[in-house]
Amino acid sequence: MKKKKPNKLIQNYITAWNYLKESKRFIKIILIVFLISALIGLFMPVPESILQQILNFIEETLKQTEGMSLLQLIWFIFWNNAKVSLMGIILGIFLGIFPLSAAIGNGYLLGVVSSFVALDEGYLSLWKIFPHGVFELPAVFISLALGLRLGMFVFQKERILTFKRHFVNSLRVFLLIVLPLLIIAAIIESSLIFLLG
């Protein structure tokens, strides 16, 4: 009797998880860069020019989402996060500069926003931000880490083969792991905005 072959989706999912495990070192690098940037944003004084840019960004986002239904908000949050995550992978081709820059920028932004929330409502109030990032941040960290790893192909002997392997596996992880995390994140974040806002 012939052995039944595993489902192709399951095979791809296992391959994606194995590649993710192989990429642990890059995830750690992105996580460390993000956390250092977040701490700088949280505890260091913010230059006036940067503060103005952050406030403009927040104001613009609030204008864009004003009057949206729950489903529209879910799509808006999901689509924005998916674009950033995919860019984090693809633009990593250029020596991983974009993923590192994105980790620094997003970490700093989170730190600055957290510092304002803490000043306004106290440090204990930061738990309110926590549910927003439970699924979103791991998805973003994974994408940036894969982009960083992809950019390292230039230092390998068999560059083209290495690039192809990393690119295909990165897209597999994006489709099977990152996107589901971002869908859950968008649903949670949108629901919280509707309930609390």
C-alpha atoms as a PDB file:
ATOM      1  CA  MET A   1       0.000   0.000   0.000  1.00  0.00           C
ATOM      2  CA  LYS A   2       1.357   3.393  -1.027  1.00  0.00           C
ATOM      3  CA  LYS A   3       2.037   5.991   1.615  1.00  0.00           C
ATOM      4  CA  LYS A   4      -0.228   8.986   1.265  1.00  0.00           C
ATOM      5  CA  LYS A   5       1.719  12.123   0.380  1.00  0.00           C
ATOM      6  CA  PRO A   6       1.299  15.039   2.811  1.00  0.00           C
ATOM      7  CA  ASN A   7      -0.959  17.857   1.628  1.00  0.00           C
ATOM      8  CA  LYS A   8       0.983  20.431  -0.453  1.00  0.00           C
ATOM      9  CA  LEU A   9      -0.198  23.317   1.751  1.00  0.00           C
ATOM     10  CA  ILE A  10       0.987  21.474   4.872  1.00  0.00           C
ATOM     11  CA  GLN A  11       4.349  20.754   3.194  1.00  0.00           C
ATOM     12  CA  ASN A  12       4.762  24.440   2.347  1.00  0.00           C
ATOM     13  CA  TYR A  13       3.761  25.433   5.867  1.00  0.00           C
ATOM     14  CA  ILE A  14       6.365  23.073   7.392  1.00  0.00           C
ATOM     15  CA  THR A  15       9.017  24.430   4.995  1.00  0.00           C
ATOM     16  CA  ALA A  16       8.056  28.012   5.970  1.00  0.00           C
ATOM     17  CA  TRP A  17       8.381  27.235   9.705  1.00  0.00           C
ATOM     18  CA  ASN A  18      11.733  25.508   9.177  1.00  0.00           C
ATOM     19  CA  TYR A  19      13.048  28.515   7.252  1.00  0.00           C
ATOM     20  CA  LEU A  20      11.776  30.790  10.017  1.00  0.00           C
ATOM     21  CA  LYS A  21      13.682  28.731  12.607  1.00  0.00           C
ATOM     22  CA  GLU A  22      16.812  29.037  10.436  1.00  0.00           C
ATOM     23  CA  SER A  23      16.353  32.826  10.460  1.00  0.00           C
ATOM     24  CA  LYS A  24      16.328  33.183  14.281  1.00  0.00           C
ATOM     25  CA  ARG A  25      19.629  35.069  14.330  1.00  0.00           C
ATOM     26  CA  PHE A  26      18.251  37.752  11.999  1.00  0.00           C
ATOM     27  CA  ILE A  27      15.029  38.039  14.015  1.00  0.00           C
ATOM     28  CA  LYS A  28      17.154  38.647  17.135  1.00  0.00           C
ATOM     29  CA  ILE A  29      19.147  41.383  15.361  1.00  0.00           C
ATOM     30  CA  ILE A  30      15.949  43.172  14.243  1.00  0.00           C
ATOM     31  CA  LEU A  31      14.428  42.787  17.719  1.00  0.00           C
ATOM     32  CA  ILE A  32      17.511  44.256  19.446  1.00  0.00           C
ATOM     33  CA  VAL A  33      17.670  47.196  17.004  1.00  0.00           C
ATOM     34  CA  PHE A  34      13.925  47.832  17.482  1.00  0.00           C
ATOM     35  CA  LEU A  35      14.110  47.685  21.302  1.00  0.00           C
ATOM     36  CA  ILE A  36      17.150  50.003  21.512  1.00  0.00           C
ATOM     37  CA  SER A  37      15.385  52.506  19.215  1.00  0.00           C
ATOM     38  CA  ALA A  38      12.172  52.235  21.274  1.00  0.00           C
ATOM     39  CA  LEU A  39      14.096  52.945  24.499  1.00  0.00           C
ATOM     40  CA  ILE A  40      15.768  55.976  22.887  1.00  0.00           C
ATOM     41  CA  GLY A  41      12.339  57.260  21.802  1.00  0.00           C
ATOM     42  CA  LEU A  42      10.876  56.566  25.252  1.00  0.00           C
ATOM     43  CA  PHE A  43      13.545  58.204  27.421  1.00  0.00           C
ATOM     44  CA  MET A  44      15.464  60.717  25.255  1.00  0.00           C
ATOM     45  CA  PRO A  45      14.135  64.218  24.485  1.00  0.00           C
ATOM     46  CA  VAL A  46      12.557  64.375  21.014  1.00  0.00           C
ATOM     47  CA  PRO A  47      13.941  67.035  18.626  1.00  0.00           C
ATOM     48  CA  GLU A  48      11.234  69.537  17.650  1.00  0.00           C
ATOM     49  CA  SER A  49      11.495  68.790  13.904  1.00  0.00           C
ATOM     50  CA  ILE A  50      11.066  65.030  14.438  1.00  0.00           C
ATOM     51  CA  LEU A  51       8.217  65.586  16.901  1.00  0.00           C
ATOM     52  CA  GLN A  52       6.389  67.699  14.314  1.00  0.00           C
ATOM     53  CA  GLN A  53       6.784  64.982  11.670  1.00  0.00           C
ATOM     54  CA  ILE A  54       5.398  62.350  14.071  1.00  0.00           C
ATOM     55  CA  LEU A  55       2.429  64.558  15.002  1.00  0.00           C
ATOM     56  CA  ASN A  56       1.725  65.231  11.307  1.00  0.00           C
ATOM     57  CA  PHE A  57       1.875  61.499  10.582  1.00  0.00           C
ATOM     58  CA  ILE A  58      -0.575  60.700  13.422  1.00  0.00           C
ATOM     59  CA  GLU A  59      -2.910  63.527  12.350  1.00  0.00           C
ATOM     60  CA  GLU A  60      -2.851  62.342   8.719  1.00  0.00           C
ATOM     61  CA  THR A  61      -3.614  58.754   9.772  1.00  0.00           C
ATOM     62  CA  LEU A  62      -6.540  59.903  11.946  1.00  0.00           C
ATOM     63  CA  LYS A  63      -7.935  61.929   9.015  1.00  0.00           C
ATOM     64  CA  GLN A  64      -7.663  58.916   6.688  1.00  0.00           C
ATOM     65  CA  THR A  65      -9.489  56.595   9.103  1.00  0.00           C
ATOM     66  CA  GLU A  66     -12.154  59.090  10.206  1.00  0.00           C
ATOM     67  CA  GLY A  67     -15.689  57.782   9.580  1.00  0.00           C
ATOM     68  CA  MET A  68     -14.551  54.336   8.456  1.00  0.00           C
ATOM     69  CA  SER A  69     -16.701  51.294   9.214  1.00  0.00           C
ATOM     70  CA  LEU A  70     -15.179  48.394  11.157  1.00  0.00           C
ATOM     71  CA  LEU A  71     -14.541  46.401   7.964  1.00  0.00           C
ATOM     72  CA  GLN A  72     -12.966  49.400   6.221  1.00  0.00           C
ATOM     73  CA  LEU A  73     -10.707  49.982   9.226  1.00  0.00           C
ATOM     74  CA  ILE A  74      -9.683  46.316   9.316  1.00  0.00           C
ATOM     75  CA  TRP A  75      -8.767  46.490   5.613  1.00  0.00           C
ATOM     76  CA  PHE A  76      -6.910  49.829   6.048  1.00  0.00           C
ATOM     77  CA  ILE A  77      -4.775  48.528   8.933  1.00  0.00           C
ATOM     78  CA  PHE A  78      -4.162  45.146   7.286  1.00  0.00           C
ATOM     79  CA  TRP A  79      -3.240  46.644   3.887  1.00  0.00           C
ATOM     80  CA  ASN A  80      -0.808  49.194   5.395  1.00  0.00           C
ATOM     81  CA  ASN A  81       0.929  46.560   7.527  1.00  0.00           C
ATOM     82  CA  ALA A  82       1.054  44.078   4.636  1.00  0.00           C
ATOM     83  CA  LYS A  83       2.676  46.686   2.349  1.00  0.00           C
ATOM     84  CA  VAL A  84       5.313  47.591   4.969  1.00  0.00           C
ATOM     85  CA  SER A  85       6.027  43.907   5.656  1.00  0.00           C
ATOM     86  CA  LEU A  86       6.387  43.009   1.974  1.00  0.00           C
ATOM     87  CA  MET A  87       8.611  46.049   1.365  1.00  0.00           C
ATOM     88  CA  GLY A  88      10.690  44.970   4.368  1.00  0.00           C
ATOM     89  CA  ILE A  89      11.413  41.693   2.592  1.00  0.00           C
ATOM     90  CA  ILE A  90      11.844  42.893  -1.006  1.00  0.00           C
ATOM     91  CA  LEU A  91      13.879  46.044  -0.263  1.00  0.00           C
ATOM     92  CA  GLY A  92      16.145  43.964   1.947  1.00  0.00           C
ATOM     93  CA  ILE A  93      17.856  42.977  -1.313  1.00  0.00           C
ATOM     94  CA  PHE A  94      20.009  46.116  -0.962  1.00  0.00           C
ATOM     95  CA  LEU A  95      22.302  44.800   1.808  1.00  0.00           C
ATOM     96  CA  GLY A  96      19.463  44.754   4.338  1.00  0.00           C
ATOM     97  CA  ILE A  97      19.618  48.559   4.752  1.00  0.00           C
ATOM     98  CA  PHE A  98      15.849  49.110   4.491  1.00  0.00           C
ATOM     99  CA  PRO A  99      14.862  46.470   7.103  1.00  0.00           C
ATOM    100  CA  LEU A 100      17.369  47.904   9.604  1.00  0.00           C
ATOM    101  CA  SER A 101      16.177  51.478   8.904  1.00  0.00           C
ATOM    102  CA  ALA A 102      12.539  50.383   9.296  1.00  0.00           C
ATOM    103  CA  ALA A 103      13.331  48.667  12.628  1.00  0.00           C
ATOM    104  CA  ILE A 104      15.022  51.859  13.876  1.00  0.00           C
ATOM    105  CA  GLY A 105      12.189  54.133  12.645  1.00  0.00           C
ATOM    106  CA  ASN A 106       9.318  52.002  13.937  1.00  0.00           C
ATOM    107  CA  GLY A 107      11.025  51.364  17.266  1.00  0.00           C
ATOM    108  CA  TYR A 108      11.701  55.061  17.756  1.00  0.00           C
ATOM    109  CA  LEU A 109       8.118  55.973  16.786  1.00  0.00           C
ATOM    110  CA  LEU A 110       6.706  53.463  19.278  1.00  0.00           C
ATOM    111  CA  GLY A 111       9.034  54.803  21.973  1.00  0.00           C
ATOM    112  CA  VAL A 112       8.026  58.430  21.372  1.00  0.00           C
ATOM    113  CA  VAL A 113       4.276  57.624  21.298  1.00  0.00           C
ATOM    114  CA  SER A 114       4.680  55.520  24.469  1.00  0.00           C
ATOM    115  CA  SER A 115       6.469  58.389  26.220  1.00  0.00           C
ATOM    116  CA  PHE A 116       3.551  60.742  25.466  1.00  0.00           C
ATOM    117  CA  VAL A 117       0.992  58.176  26.661  1.00  0.00           C
ATOM    118  CA  ALA A 118       3.059  57.609  29.829  1.00  0.00           C
ATOM    119  CA  LEU A 119       3.389  61.374  30.501  1.00  0.00           C
ATOM    120  CA  ASP A 120      -0.327  61.874  29.998  1.00  0.00           C
ATOM    121  CA  GLU A 121      -1.690  58.819  31.811  1.00  0.00           C
ATOM    122  CA  GLY A 122       1.270  57.234  33.654  1.00  0.00           C
ATOM    123  CA  TYR A 123       3.508  54.278  32.733  1.00  0.00           C
ATOM    124  CA  LEU A 124       0.904  51.708  33.812  1.00  0.00           C
ATOM    125  CA  SER A 125      -1.336  52.932  30.986  1.00  0.00           C
ATOM    126  CA  LEU A 126       1.142  51.504  28.438  1.00  0.00           C
ATOM    127  CA  TRP A 127      -0.617  48.123  28.762  1.00  0.00           C
ATOM    128  CA  LYS A 128      -3.316  49.628  26.476  1.00  0.00           C
ATOM    129  CA  ILE A 129      -0.808  49.642  23.600  1.00  0.00           C
ATOM    130  CA  PHE A 130       0.134  45.981  24.231  1.00  0.00           C
ATOM    131  CA  PRO A 131      -2.846  44.246  22.497  1.00  0.00           C
ATOM    132  CA  HIS A 132      -2.172  46.257  19.324  1.00  0.00           C
ATOM    133  CA  GLY A 133       1.263  44.696  18.935  1.00  0.00           C
ATOM    134  CA  VAL A 134       0.801  41.068  20.032  1.00  0.00           C
ATOM    135  CA  PHE A 135       0.366  39.821  16.457  1.00  0.00           C
ATOM    136  CA  GLU A 136       1.445  42.865  14.436  1.00  0.00           C
ATOM    137  CA  LEU A 137       4.958  43.290  15.838  1.00  0.00           C
ATOM    138  CA  PRO A 138       6.044  39.629  15.420  1.00  0.00           C
ATOM    139  CA  ALA A 139       4.803  39.761  11.805  1.00  0.00           C
ATOM    140  CA  VAL A 140       6.791  42.949  11.143  1.00  0.00           C
ATOM    141  CA  PHE A 141       9.901  41.592  12.929  1.00  0.00           C
ATOM    142  CA  ILE A 142       9.756  38.401  10.848  1.00  0.00           C
ATOM    143  CA  SER A 143       9.430  40.366   7.578  1.00  0.00           C
ATOM    144  CA  LEU A 144      12.305  42.728   8.405  1.00  0.00           C
ATOM    145  CA  ALA A 145      14.472  39.798   9.528  1.00  0.00           C
ATOM    146  CA  LEU A 146      13.797  37.949   6.259  1.00  0.00           C
ATOM    147  CA  GLY A 147      14.658  41.112   4.317  1.00  0.00           C
ATOM    148  CA  LEU A 148      17.899  41.448   6.271  1.00  0.00           C
ATOM    149  CA  ARG A 149      18.764  37.804   5.575  1.00  0.00           C
ATOM    150  CA  LEU A 150      17.911  38.217   1.894  1.00  0.00           C
ATOM    151  CA  GLY A 151      20.343  41.141   1.641  1.00  0.00           C
ATOM    152  CA  MET A 152      23.191  38.937   2.864  1.00  0.00           C
ATOM    153  CA  PHE A 153      23.165  36.869  -0.374  1.00  0.00           C
ATOM    154  CA  VAL A 154      25.915  39.143  -1.772  1.00  0.00           C
ATOM    155  CA  PHE A 155      28.373  37.695   0.759  1.00  0.00           C
ATOM    156  CA  GLN A 156      27.730  34.072  -0.304  1.00  0.00           C
ATOM    157  CA  LYS A 157      29.757  32.079  -2.840  1.00  0.00           C
ATOM    158  CA  GLU A 158      26.760  30.915  -4.883  1.00  0.00           C
ATOM    159  CA  ARG A 159      24.978  34.265  -4.923  1.00  0.00           C
ATOM    160  CA  ILE A 160      22.225  33.533  -7.448  1.00  0.00           C
ATOM    161  CA  LEU A 161      21.255  30.187  -5.884  1.00  0.00           C
ATOM    162  CA  THR A 162      21.331  31.691  -2.376  1.00  0.00           C
ATOM    163  CA  PHE A 163      19.241  34.659  -3.488  1.00  0.00           C
ATOM    164  CA  LYS A 164      16.627  32.413  -5.139  1.00  0.00           C
ATOM    165  CA  ARG A 165      16.390  30.154  -2.080  1.00  0.00           C
ATOM    166  CA  HIS A 166      16.024  33.062   0.363  1.00  0.00           C
ATOM    167  CA  PHE A 167      13.586  34.936  -1.868  1.00  0.00           C
ATOM    168  CA  VAL A 168      11.266  31.951  -2.444  1.00  0.00           C
ATOM    169  CA  ASN A 169      11.346  30.958   1.231  1.00  0.00           C
ATOM    170  CA  SER A 170      10.755  34.565   2.355  1.00  0.00           C
ATOM    171  CA  LEU A 171       7.658  34.825   0.152  1.00  0.00           C
ATOM    172  CA  ARG A 172       6.459  31.459   1.478  1.00  0.00           C
ATOM    173  CA  VAL A 173       6.796  32.707   5.082  1.00  0.00           C
ATOM    174  CA  PHE A 174       5.106  35.993   4.138  1.00  0.00           C
ATOM    175  CA  LEU A 175       2.070  34.250   2.631  1.00  0.00           C
ATOM    176  CA  LEU A 176       1.640  31.454   5.181  1.00  0.00           C
ATOM    177  CA  ILE A 177       2.774  33.048   8.463  1.00  0.00           C
ATOM    178  CA  VAL A 178       3.042  36.850   8.195  1.00  0.00           C
ATOM    179  CA  LEU A 179      -0.269  37.541   6.402  1.00  0.00           C
ATOM    180  CA  PRO A 180      -2.385  35.443   8.839  1.00  0.00           C
ATOM    181  CA  LEU A 181      -0.740  37.269  11.774  1.00  0.00           C
ATOM    182  CA  LEU A 182      -1.513  40.635  10.137  1.00  0.00           C
ATOM    183  CA  ILE A 183      -5.161  39.663   9.540  1.00  0.00           C
ATOM    184  CA  ILE A 184      -5.571  38.782  13.241  1.00  0.00           C
ATOM    185  CA  ALA A 185      -3.730  41.997  14.239  1.00  0.00           C
ATOM    186  CA  ALA A 186      -5.974  44.156  12.027  1.00  0.00           C
ATOM    187  CA  ILE A 187      -9.149  42.590  13.476  1.00  0.00           C
ATOM    188  CA  ILE A 188      -7.964  43.091  17.091  1.00  0.00           C
ATOM    189  CA  GLU A 189      -6.671  46.630  16.522  1.00  0.00           C
ATOM    190  CA  SER A 190      -9.780  47.773  14.631  1.00  0.00           C
ATOM    191  CA  SER A 191     -12.120  46.255  17.223  1.00  0.00           C
ATOM    192  CA  LEU A 192     -10.238  47.986  20.052  1.00  0.00           C
ATOM    193  CA  ILE A 193     -10.367  51.332  18.231  1.00  0.00           C
ATOM    194  CA  PHE A 194     -14.134  50.910  17.804  1.00  0.00           C
ATOM    195  CA  LEU A 195     -14.690  49.835  21.416  1.00  0.00           C
ATOM    196  CA  LEU A 196     -12.400  52.401  23.063  1.00  0.00           C
ATOM    197  CA  GLY A 197     -12.683  55.241  20.576  1.00  0.00           C
END
